[in-house]
Amino acid sequence: MLRHLLKTAFNNRMGITLRIKLLILLLSLCLPAMRSQAQGYTVVTGDDGLPIYDDDKIYDGKYDEGVSDQSEENFDKEFENVQIDGEIPWPERMQKALEQLTQSSMLETSQLGMLVYDLTDDRMLFRYNDRQLMRPASVMKVVTAITALDCLGKDYMFRTMLYYTGTIKGDTLNGDLYCVGGFDPAFSTEDMNAFVECIQREGITKINGRFVADVSMKDTKEYGEGWCWDDDNSVLTPLLINKRDEFLETFRSALSKKGITVNGYLSTGTLPAKAVQLCGRYHSIETVLERMMKKSDNLYAEAMLYQVAASNNRRNATAKDAATITRRLINSIGLDGAKYKIADGSGLSLYNYISAELLVQLLRYGYRNKDIYSRLLPSLPIAGEDGTLKSRMKSGYAKGNVEAKTGTVTAVSSLAGYAQVYNGHQLCFAIINNGVLRAGEARAFQDKVCQIICAP
């Protein structure tokens, strides 16, 4: 979006007044990042140079300006009086400590939904407003992940395919080249080079025909329903290269560097039935899940959502198609899917509304299904060790014993996943804080919950 605005602002055909307004808009979009750098916040980038959304410093889309290590440290002092009484047997002592915790002054001006469940004994241990509908932020990815694993299977592959029409005569393809997108967010330069090598193996040095992108897998919406207009998010398109919407241009450039010319023009279209497959590139659901959950990557989550949406092999799949399948799963686990709002796969949308009860029921379902659990658990951040929990719970009982998905957007902070208790019991839990303008306070609350439920 920023690139588009920048090009528009410097369009010579545009009036000076409108150009100035666009430049002011650009400046307003850049200021949060500039302010975050001044405050000492950093944006961590991956190998592709794009941001990794670290919930400890920024939330999924924008900077969390109300957070600082000092505010989190100060707020944690309120919880010092919450003691775990060793004279009371487990789990009663845990329940008593959690009851004390829910007396926090933070809840005078904010909302909490929480549920803790013992998977080993198959019983509920603690609940607090667990049926209250709340905005989930990135724990929405838990819903997306479990739905995808249930719908697609643990061995599902994301794919991008290359086809041609016409005939190959000598070193010339007299026909069109089709790139069929399957919304694989992991498609990289390495994959693109493999496509080029595939064409080279056919002996082709000249393409007399169109260069066609088939993006009919999903609808034409570039962004999710209920996303903020001033977020700088990736475009949701089935054909991506290094998470960017530059596939055909990059492909043609890569071919040109290897001496392969394309004489036709770039276009979009639907793959003909008689097209011949050249090759394909694949990435496993396991690979996509790891970045989606460990790094809270929003694009990966949306790509996962659209795999679900397109699972019935229909073209132009929509987020609503995925929501229908998600509600079907919710109904199957004993809840009413119609009571929840499923707007996107990442949690960026302002329209998502779910409950702590729903998250725990899905985590229970995932735990009981070995195919889901074998993929879900390794994808979750580990407290004090990696992902978005690397700098949280770095000591105490929770370190290494909590594997959970974080979530943070303005006024929302959440945590949901699994916890290992000293006595060998396996728990699942969900904590959703809404109306908290200082995410550090909510994180301190969540971390204290985790220390309590993991304690001996």
Protein backbone atom coordinates (compact mmCIF):
# COMPACT_ATOMS: atom_id res chain seq x y z
CA MET A 1 0.00 0.00 0.00
CA LEU A 2 2.80 2.42 0.87
CA ARG A 3 4.55 1.72 -2.45
CA HIS A 4 1.32 2.44 -4.31
CA LEU A 5 0.74 5.72 -2.43
CA LEU A 6 4.31 6.80 -3.07
CA LYS A 7 3.99 6.22 -6.84
CA THR A 8 0.67 8.06 -6.86
CA ALA A 9 2.02 11.03 -4.90
CA PHE A 10 4.70 11.64 -7.51
CA ASN A 11 2.42 11.25 -10.52
CA ASN A 12 2.97 14.32 -12.67
CA ARG A 13 -0.67 14.33 -13.75
CA MET A 14 -1.90 14.82 -10.19
CA GLY A 15 -2.83 18.25 -8.84
CA ILE A 16 -0.51 19.84 -6.27
CA THR A 17 -3.22 19.94 -3.54
CA LEU A 18 -4.00 16.23 -3.82
CA ARG A 19 -0.30 15.42 -3.98
CA ILE A 20 0.33 17.30 -0.72
CA LYS A 21 -2.55 15.44 0.96
CA LEU A 22 -1.08 12.10 -0.10
CA LEU A 23 2.36 13.04 1.19
CA ILE A 24 0.82 13.98 4.56
CA LEU A 25 -0.89 10.58 4.63
CA LEU A 26 2.43 8.86 3.88
CA LEU A 27 4.08 10.74 6.71
CA SER A 28 1.31 9.69 9.13
CA LEU A 29 1.86 6.05 8.17
CA CYS A 30 5.60 6.27 8.74
CA LEU A 31 5.49 8.09 12.09
CA PRO A 32 4.63 5.05 14.26
CA ALA A 33 7.72 3.18 13.05
CA MET A 34 9.89 6.27 13.53
CA ARG A 35 8.49 6.77 17.03
CA SER A 36 9.07 3.12 17.93
CA GLN A 37 12.74 3.39 16.96
CA ALA A 38 13.11 6.50 19.09
CA GLN A 39 11.65 4.61 22.06
CA GLY A 40 14.08 1.76 21.62
CA TYR A 41 11.70 -0.72 20.00
CA THR A 42 13.05 -2.78 17.13
CA VAL A 43 11.45 -4.64 14.28
CA VAL A 44 13.01 -8.07 13.85
CA THR A 45 13.26 -9.17 10.23
CA GLY A 46 13.59 -12.60 8.70
CA ASP A 47 15.86 -13.83 5.92
CA ASP A 48 13.51 -12.24 3.40
CA GLY A 49 13.96 -8.81 4.99
CA LEU A 50 10.31 -8.64 6.04
CA PRO A 51 9.13 -8.06 9.63
CA ILE A 52 8.71 -10.91 12.07
CA TYR A 53 5.84 -9.89 14.31
CA ASP A 54 7.25 -10.23 17.81
CA ASP A 55 4.40 -9.77 20.27
CA ASP A 56 6.89 -8.73 22.95
CA LYS A 57 7.74 -5.52 21.09
CA ILE A 58 5.07 -4.89 18.48
CA TYR A 59 1.62 -6.21 17.91
CA ASP A 60 0.42 -7.82 14.72
CA GLY A 61 0.19 -4.83 12.42
CA LYS A 62 1.07 -1.76 14.48
CA TYR A 63 3.36 -0.72 17.28
CA ASP A 64 2.16 -1.21 20.81
CA GLU A 65 2.97 2.27 22.08
CA GLY A 66 1.60 1.63 25.55
CA VAL A 67 4.15 -1.05 26.39
CA SER A 68 7.51 -0.79 28.06
CA ASP A 69 9.55 -3.21 30.12
CA GLN A 70 9.26 -0.81 33.06
CA SER A 71 5.45 -0.74 33.01
CA GLU A 72 5.36 -4.53 32.95
CA GLU A 73 7.85 -4.73 35.80
CA ASN A 74 5.90 -2.22 37.91
CA PHE A 75 2.60 -3.96 37.35
CA ASP A 76 4.06 -7.34 38.31
CA LYS A 77 4.53 -6.00 41.87
CA GLU A 78 0.76 -6.17 42.35
CA PHE A 79 0.94 -9.93 42.01
CA GLU A 80 3.58 -10.40 44.71
CA ASN A 81 0.84 -10.95 47.30
CA VAL A 82 -0.60 -13.86 45.31
CA GLN A 83 0.99 -16.81 47.05
CA ILE A 84 0.82 -20.53 46.33
CA ASP A 85 0.03 -22.24 49.64
CA GLY A 86 2.07 -25.44 49.80
CA GLU A 87 -0.11 -26.80 52.62
CA ILE A 88 -3.14 -27.08 50.33
CA PRO A 89 -3.16 -30.06 47.94
CA TRP A 90 -3.08 -29.63 44.17
CA PRO A 91 -5.20 -28.48 42.35
CA GLU A 92 -7.00 -26.60 45.15
CA ARG A 93 -3.95 -24.46 45.88
CA MET A 94 -3.70 -23.52 42.21
CA GLN A 95 -7.40 -22.62 42.12
CA LYS A 96 -7.09 -20.48 45.25
CA ALA A 97 -4.12 -18.58 43.79
CA LEU A 98 -5.97 -17.96 40.53
CA GLU A 99 -8.98 -16.65 42.46
CA GLN A 100 -6.70 -14.17 44.20
CA LEU A 101 -5.26 -13.15 40.86
CA THR A 102 -8.67 -12.31 39.46
CA GLN A 103 -8.99 -9.64 42.15
CA SER A 104 -6.41 -7.58 40.26
CA SER A 105 -7.12 -3.86 39.95
CA MET A 106 -6.50 -4.24 36.21
CA LEU A 107 -9.90 -5.93 35.92
CA GLU A 108 -11.65 -2.84 37.27
CA THR A 109 -11.20 -1.22 33.86
CA SER A 110 -10.76 -4.19 31.54
CA GLN A 111 -12.28 -7.57 30.75
CA LEU A 112 -10.94 -11.07 31.24
CA GLY A 113 -11.98 -14.42 29.85
CA MET A 114 -10.04 -17.43 31.19
CA LEU A 115 -10.31 -21.20 31.35
CA VAL A 116 -7.86 -23.84 32.61
CA TYR A 117 -8.52 -27.50 31.82
CA ASP A 118 -6.81 -30.69 33.03
CA LEU A 119 -6.31 -32.88 29.96
CA THR A 120 -4.95 -35.76 32.03
CA ASP A 121 -7.98 -36.01 34.33
CA ASP A 122 -10.38 -34.61 31.71
CA ARG A 123 -11.91 -31.96 33.96
CA MET A 124 -12.22 -28.23 34.22
CA LEU A 125 -9.97 -26.67 36.87
CA PHE A 126 -10.73 -22.95 36.74
CA ARG A 127 -13.00 -20.64 34.77
CA TYR A 128 -13.65 -16.90 34.72
CA ASN A 129 -16.01 -15.36 32.14
CA ASP A 130 -14.90 -18.14 29.82
CA ARG A 131 -17.99 -17.81 27.60
CA GLN A 132 -17.65 -14.06 27.18
CA LEU A 133 -17.17 -13.15 23.50
CA MET A 134 -13.95 -11.18 23.05
CA ARG A 135 -11.53 -10.05 20.38
CA PRO A 136 -8.76 -12.68 20.32
CA ALA A 137 -5.87 -10.98 18.45
CA SER A 138 -3.33 -13.59 17.27
CA VAL A 139 -4.65 -16.49 19.33
CA MET A 140 -7.12 -16.61 16.42
CA LYS A 141 -4.27 -18.50 14.75
CA VAL A 142 -4.99 -21.40 17.14
CA VAL A 143 -8.49 -21.64 15.66
CA THR A 144 -7.06 -21.46 12.13
CA ALA A 145 -4.33 -24.04 12.80
CA ILE A 146 -6.59 -26.66 14.36
CA THR A 147 -9.27 -26.18 11.70
CA ALA A 148 -6.68 -26.53 8.92
CA LEU A 149 -5.11 -29.66 10.40
CA ASP A 150 -8.53 -31.19 10.89
CA CYS A 151 -9.72 -30.28 7.39
CA LEU A 152 -6.54 -30.74 5.32
CA GLY A 153 -4.59 -33.37 7.26
CA LYS A 154 -1.12 -33.39 8.76
CA ASP A 155 0.61 -34.17 5.45
CA TYR A 156 -1.03 -31.45 3.36
CA MET A 157 1.20 -29.60 0.89
CA PHE A 158 1.03 -25.99 -0.28
CA ARG A 159 1.76 -25.88 -4.01
CA THR A 160 2.59 -23.56 -6.89
CA MET A 161 2.44 -25.13 -10.36
CA LEU A 162 3.87 -24.36 -13.81
CA TYR A 163 2.13 -25.38 -17.07
CA TYR A 164 2.28 -24.57 -20.78
CA THR A 165 -0.06 -24.66 -23.76
CA GLY A 166 0.86 -25.00 -27.42
CA THR A 167 3.90 -26.87 -28.65
CA ILE A 168 7.64 -26.93 -28.07
CA LYS A 169 9.56 -26.90 -31.36
CA GLY A 170 13.33 -26.89 -31.05
CA ASP A 171 14.21 -24.27 -28.45
CA THR A 172 10.92 -22.36 -28.82
CA LEU A 173 7.66 -22.65 -26.95
CA ASN A 174 4.87 -21.53 -29.27
CA GLY A 175 2.22 -21.12 -26.63
CA ASP A 176 1.47 -19.67 -23.25
CA LEU A 177 3.19 -20.26 -19.92
CA TYR A 178 0.78 -20.59 -16.94
CA CYS A 179 1.76 -20.03 -13.32
CA VAL A 180 -0.98 -21.46 -11.09
CA GLY A 181 -1.02 -20.04 -7.59
CA GLY A 182 -1.94 -22.11 -4.56
CA PHE A 183 -1.31 -19.31 -2.04
CA ASP A 184 1.99 -20.69 -0.76
CA PRO A 185 3.49 -17.97 1.48
CA ALA A 186 6.81 -19.85 1.66
CA PHE A 187 7.49 -19.65 -2.10
CA SER A 188 10.98 -18.13 -2.34
CA THR A 189 13.77 -17.24 -4.73
CA GLU A 190 14.99 -20.83 -4.46
CA ASP A 191 11.62 -22.06 -5.71
CA MET A 192 11.65 -19.53 -8.53
CA ASN A 193 15.10 -20.70 -9.60
CA ALA A 194 13.74 -24.25 -9.70
CA PHE A 195 11.03 -23.08 -12.13
CA VAL A 196 13.69 -21.51 -14.35
CA GLU A 197 15.77 -24.70 -14.29
CA CYS A 198 12.66 -26.67 -15.22
CA ILE A 199 12.23 -24.59 -18.38
CA GLN A 200 15.93 -24.89 -19.16
CA ARG A 201 15.71 -28.70 -18.96
CA GLU A 202 13.09 -28.58 -21.71
CA GLY A 203 15.64 -26.77 -23.89
CA ILE A 204 13.44 -23.68 -24.17
CA THR A 205 15.18 -20.35 -24.82
CA LYS A 206 12.24 -18.48 -26.37
CA ILE A 207 8.57 -18.23 -25.41
CA ASN A 208 6.25 -16.94 -28.12
CA GLY A 209 3.14 -16.47 -26.06
CA ARG A 210 1.59 -14.95 -23.00
CA PHE A 211 2.92 -15.19 -19.47
CA VAL A 212 -0.26 -15.98 -17.51
CA ALA A 213 -1.00 -15.89 -13.79
CA ASP A 214 -3.85 -18.13 -12.67
CA VAL A 215 -4.97 -16.69 -9.32
CA SER A 216 -8.46 -18.19 -9.42
CA MET A 217 -7.89 -20.18 -6.23
CA LYS A 218 -9.33 -17.33 -4.14
CA ASP A 219 -11.41 -14.21 -4.49
CA THR A 220 -9.93 -10.90 -5.56
CA LYS A 221 -9.93 -9.28 -2.10
CA GLU A 222 -6.41 -8.08 -1.32
CA TYR A 223 -6.95 -7.61 2.42
CA GLY A 224 -8.98 -9.25 5.15
CA GLU A 225 -12.40 -8.19 6.37
CA GLY A 226 -12.13 -5.73 9.24
CA TRP A 227 -8.42 -4.96 8.80
CA CYS A 228 -7.29 -1.46 9.71
CA TRP A 229 -6.73 0.75 6.67
CA ASP A 230 -3.42 2.09 8.01
CA ASP A 231 -1.79 -1.32 8.58
CA ASP A 232 0.93 -2.13 6.04
CA ASN A 233 -0.01 -5.75 5.40
CA SER A 234 0.96 -8.09 2.60
CA VAL A 235 -1.45 -8.48 -0.31
CA LEU A 236 -3.50 -11.69 -0.16
CA THR A 237 -2.82 -13.23 -3.55
CA PRO A 238 -2.32 -16.90 -4.52
CA LEU A 239 0.92 -16.09 -6.37
CA LEU A 240 3.68 -14.81 -4.10
CA ILE A 241 7.45 -14.60 -4.24
CA ASN A 242 9.19 -13.92 -0.92
CA LYS A 243 5.78 -12.86 0.45
CA ARG A 244 5.45 -10.15 -2.21
CA ASP A 245 2.94 -9.68 -5.00
CA GLU A 246 5.62 -9.56 -7.71
CA PHE A 247 5.52 -13.09 -9.09
CA LEU A 248 5.29 -12.69 -12.88
CA GLU A 249 7.67 -9.75 -13.04
CA THR A 250 10.23 -11.59 -10.93
CA PHE A 251 9.81 -14.78 -12.97
CA ARG A 252 10.28 -13.01 -16.31
CA SER A 253 13.37 -11.24 -14.96
CA ALA A 254 14.82 -14.56 -13.71
CA LEU A 255 14.24 -16.13 -17.13
CA SER A 256 15.85 -13.19 -18.89
CA LYS A 257 18.99 -13.52 -16.75
CA LYS A 258 19.32 -17.11 -18.03
CA GLY A 259 18.90 -16.04 -21.64
CA ILE A 260 15.26 -17.08 -21.98
CA THR A 261 13.09 -14.46 -23.68
CA VAL A 262 9.34 -14.04 -23.30
CA ASN A 263 7.85 -12.30 -26.33
CA GLY A 264 4.28 -12.23 -25.08
CA TYR A 265 2.68 -9.97 -22.48
CA LEU A 266 1.86 -10.57 -18.82
CA SER A 267 -1.76 -11.37 -18.07
CA THR A 268 -4.16 -13.24 -15.81
CA GLY A 269 -6.37 -16.15 -16.78
CA THR A 270 -7.62 -19.61 -15.91
CA LEU A 271 -5.59 -22.72 -16.71
CA PRO A 272 -7.01 -24.53 -19.77
CA ALA A 273 -7.97 -28.19 -19.38
CA LYS A 274 -5.44 -29.30 -22.02
CA ALA A 275 -2.44 -27.51 -20.49
CA VAL A 276 0.69 -29.62 -19.91
CA GLN A 277 2.37 -29.62 -16.50
CA LEU A 278 6.04 -28.64 -16.44
CA CYS A 279 6.77 -28.77 -12.71
CA GLY A 280 5.61 -27.72 -9.28
CA ARG A 281 7.00 -26.51 -5.97
CA TYR A 282 5.67 -27.65 -2.60
CA HIS A 283 5.90 -26.74 1.08
CA SER A 284 4.43 -28.81 3.90
CA ILE A 285 1.72 -27.66 6.28
CA GLU A 286 4.28 -28.28 9.03
CA THR A 287 6.66 -25.70 7.50
CA VAL A 288 3.93 -23.08 7.17
CA LEU A 289 2.57 -23.76 10.67
CA GLU A 290 5.95 -23.22 12.30
CA ARG A 291 6.35 -19.66 11.10
CA MET A 292 2.64 -18.91 11.44
CA MET A 293 2.67 -19.85 15.13
CA LYS A 294 6.24 -19.32 16.36
CA LYS A 295 6.64 -15.94 14.63
CA SER A 296 2.94 -15.00 14.51
CA ASP A 297 3.15 -14.41 10.77
CA ASN A 298 -0.16 -13.00 9.58
CA LEU A 299 0.31 -13.74 5.88
CA TYR A 300 1.04 -17.39 6.63
CA ALA A 301 -2.15 -17.56 8.72
CA GLU A 302 -4.25 -16.07 5.94
CA ALA A 303 -2.70 -18.49 3.43
CA MET A 304 -3.65 -21.32 5.79
CA LEU A 305 -7.21 -20.00 6.04
CA TYR A 306 -7.59 -19.98 2.25
CA GLN A 307 -6.34 -23.56 1.99
CA VAL A 308 -9.31 -24.46 4.16
CA ALA A 309 -11.62 -22.27 2.08
CA ALA A 310 -10.51 -23.96 -1.15
CA SER A 311 -10.51 -27.49 0.27
CA ASN A 312 -13.68 -28.40 -1.65
CA ASN A 313 -11.82 -27.60 -4.90
CA ARG A 314 -14.00 -24.61 -5.68
CA ARG A 315 -12.50 -21.59 -7.43
CA ASN A 316 -12.56 -18.06 -6.02
CA ALA A 317 -12.67 -19.33 -2.45
CA THR A 318 -13.52 -16.77 0.22
CA ALA A 319 -12.83 -16.23 3.91
CA LYS A 320 -16.53 -16.89 4.49
CA ASP A 321 -16.08 -20.36 2.97
CA ALA A 322 -13.37 -21.03 5.57
CA ALA A 323 -15.60 -19.64 8.33
CA THR A 324 -18.34 -22.09 7.34
CA ILE A 325 -15.92 -25.01 7.65
CA THR A 326 -14.64 -23.65 10.98
CA ARG A 327 -18.18 -23.41 12.36
CA ARG A 328 -18.80 -26.97 11.26
CA LEU A 329 -15.83 -28.09 13.38
CA ILE A 330 -17.03 -25.97 16.32
CA ASN A 331 -20.42 -27.65 16.13
CA SER A 332 -18.77 -31.07 16.11
CA ILE A 333 -16.96 -30.40 19.41
CA GLY A 334 -20.17 -29.52 21.22
CA LEU A 335 -20.41 -25.74 20.86
CA ASP A 336 -22.63 -23.58 18.64
CA GLY A 337 -20.56 -22.24 15.76
CA ALA A 338 -23.18 -19.61 14.97
CA LYS A 339 -22.39 -17.80 18.23
CA TYR A 340 -18.89 -16.80 17.10
CA LYS A 341 -17.61 -14.35 14.49
CA ILE A 342 -14.85 -15.78 12.30
CA ALA A 343 -13.58 -12.97 10.07
CA ASP A 344 -10.00 -13.92 9.18
CA GLY A 345 -7.25 -16.41 9.94
CA SER A 346 -4.65 -14.22 11.62
CA GLY A 347 -6.58 -12.23 14.23
CA LEU A 348 -5.89 -8.88 12.58
CA SER A 349 -9.58 -8.27 11.95
CA LEU A 350 -11.56 -6.09 14.33
CA TYR A 351 -14.56 -8.33 13.65
CA ASN A 352 -13.34 -11.59 15.20
CA TYR A 353 -15.21 -12.56 18.37
CA ILE A 354 -14.56 -15.83 20.16
CA SER A 355 -14.28 -17.04 23.77
CA ALA A 356 -11.77 -18.68 26.09
CA GLU A 357 -14.15 -21.65 26.22
CA LEU A 358 -13.94 -22.10 22.43
CA LEU A 359 -10.14 -21.99 22.46
CA VAL A 360 -9.90 -24.58 25.22
CA GLN A 361 -12.42 -26.87 23.54
CA LEU A 362 -10.39 -26.72 20.32
CA LEU A 363 -7.14 -27.33 22.23
CA ARG A 364 -8.79 -30.35 23.88
CA TYR A 365 -9.87 -31.62 20.48
CA GLY A 366 -6.38 -31.15 19.09
CA TYR A 367 -4.84 -32.97 22.06
CA ARG A 368 -7.09 -35.99 21.57
CA ASN A 369 -6.29 -36.19 17.85
CA LYS A 370 -2.70 -37.39 17.45
CA ASP A 371 -2.42 -36.19 13.84
CA ILE A 372 -3.39 -32.66 14.87
CA TYR A 373 -1.37 -32.64 18.09
CA SER A 374 1.80 -33.93 16.41
CA ARG A 375 1.84 -30.86 14.16
CA LEU A 376 0.28 -28.27 16.48
CA LEU A 377 2.44 -28.69 19.60
CA PRO A 378 5.86 -28.28 17.91
CA SER A 379 4.61 -25.12 16.19
CA LEU A 380 3.77 -23.30 19.42
CA PRO A 381 6.23 -20.86 21.05
CA ILE A 382 7.93 -22.25 24.17
CA ALA A 383 8.07 -20.06 27.28
CA GLY A 384 11.50 -18.54 27.78
CA GLU A 385 12.97 -20.37 24.79
CA ASP A 386 11.70 -19.41 21.34
CA GLY A 387 9.17 -17.61 19.16
CA THR A 388 7.07 -14.82 20.63
CA LEU A 389 7.55 -16.29 24.13
CA LYS A 390 11.35 -16.20 24.00
CA SER A 391 11.62 -13.17 26.30
CA ARG A 392 8.71 -14.12 28.56
CA MET A 393 8.71 -16.48 31.56
CA LYS A 394 12.49 -16.86 31.30
CA SER A 395 12.60 -18.33 34.79
CA GLY A 396 10.29 -20.02 37.26
CA TYR A 397 7.99 -23.00 36.89
CA ALA A 398 6.58 -21.93 33.52
CA LYS A 399 9.92 -21.81 31.69
CA GLY A 400 9.99 -24.59 29.14
CA ASN A 401 6.69 -25.97 30.43
CA VAL A 402 4.30 -23.64 28.62
CA GLU A 403 3.79 -23.93 24.87
CA ALA A 404 1.29 -21.34 23.76
CA LYS A 405 0.26 -18.82 21.12
CA THR A 406 0.47 -15.15 21.99
CA GLY A 407 -1.75 -12.37 20.71
CA THR A 408 -1.55 -8.59 20.89
CA VAL A 409 -3.35 -5.74 19.15
CA THR A 410 -4.43 -2.40 20.56
CA ALA A 411 -6.31 -3.00 23.84
CA VAL A 412 -6.17 -6.79 23.38
CA SER A 413 -3.69 -9.31 24.77
CA SER A 414 -4.12 -13.07 24.84
CA LEU A 415 -2.37 -16.37 25.43
CA ALA A 416 -3.62 -19.90 24.72
CA GLY A 417 -1.94 -23.29 24.61
CA TYR A 418 -0.66 -26.17 26.72
CA ALA A 419 1.13 -26.41 30.07
CA GLN A 420 2.97 -29.21 31.85
CA VAL A 421 2.50 -29.49 35.63
CA TYR A 422 5.19 -30.82 37.98
CA ASN A 423 3.06 -33.92 38.74
CA GLY A 424 2.95 -34.91 35.07
CA HIS A 425 -0.51 -33.57 34.37
CA GLN A 426 -1.00 -31.91 30.99
CA LEU A 427 -3.21 -28.80 30.96
CA CYS A 428 -4.63 -26.56 28.29
CA PHE A 429 -5.65 -22.98 28.93
CA ALA A 430 -6.83 -19.76 27.35
CA ILE A 431 -6.52 -16.20 28.64
CA ILE A 432 -8.04 -13.24 26.77
CA ASN A 433 -7.62 -9.70 28.07
CA ASN A 434 -9.66 -6.96 26.40
CA GLY A 435 -9.70 -3.23 27.15
CA VAL A 436 -6.08 -3.17 28.34
CA LEU A 437 -4.23 -0.18 26.92
CA ARG A 438 -0.94 -1.36 28.41
CA ALA A 439 -0.22 -4.77 26.94
CA GLY A 440 2.66 -5.21 29.39
CA GLU A 441 0.17 -5.35 32.25
CA ALA A 442 -1.86 -8.06 30.57
CA ARG A 443 1.28 -10.05 29.76
CA ALA A 444 2.38 -9.86 33.39
CA PHE A 445 -1.04 -11.18 34.40
CA GLN A 446 -0.85 -14.03 31.88
CA ASP A 447 2.68 -14.96 32.90
CA LYS A 448 1.61 -15.10 36.54
CA VAL A 449 -1.25 -17.43 35.59
CA CYS A 450 1.24 -19.71 33.84
CA GLN A 451 3.60 -19.74 36.81
CA ILE A 452 0.70 -20.67 39.08
CA ILE A 453 -0.68 -23.50 36.95
CA CYS A 454 2.79 -25.02 36.47
CA ALA A 455 3.86 -24.72 40.10
CA PRO A 456 4.33 -27.74 42.40
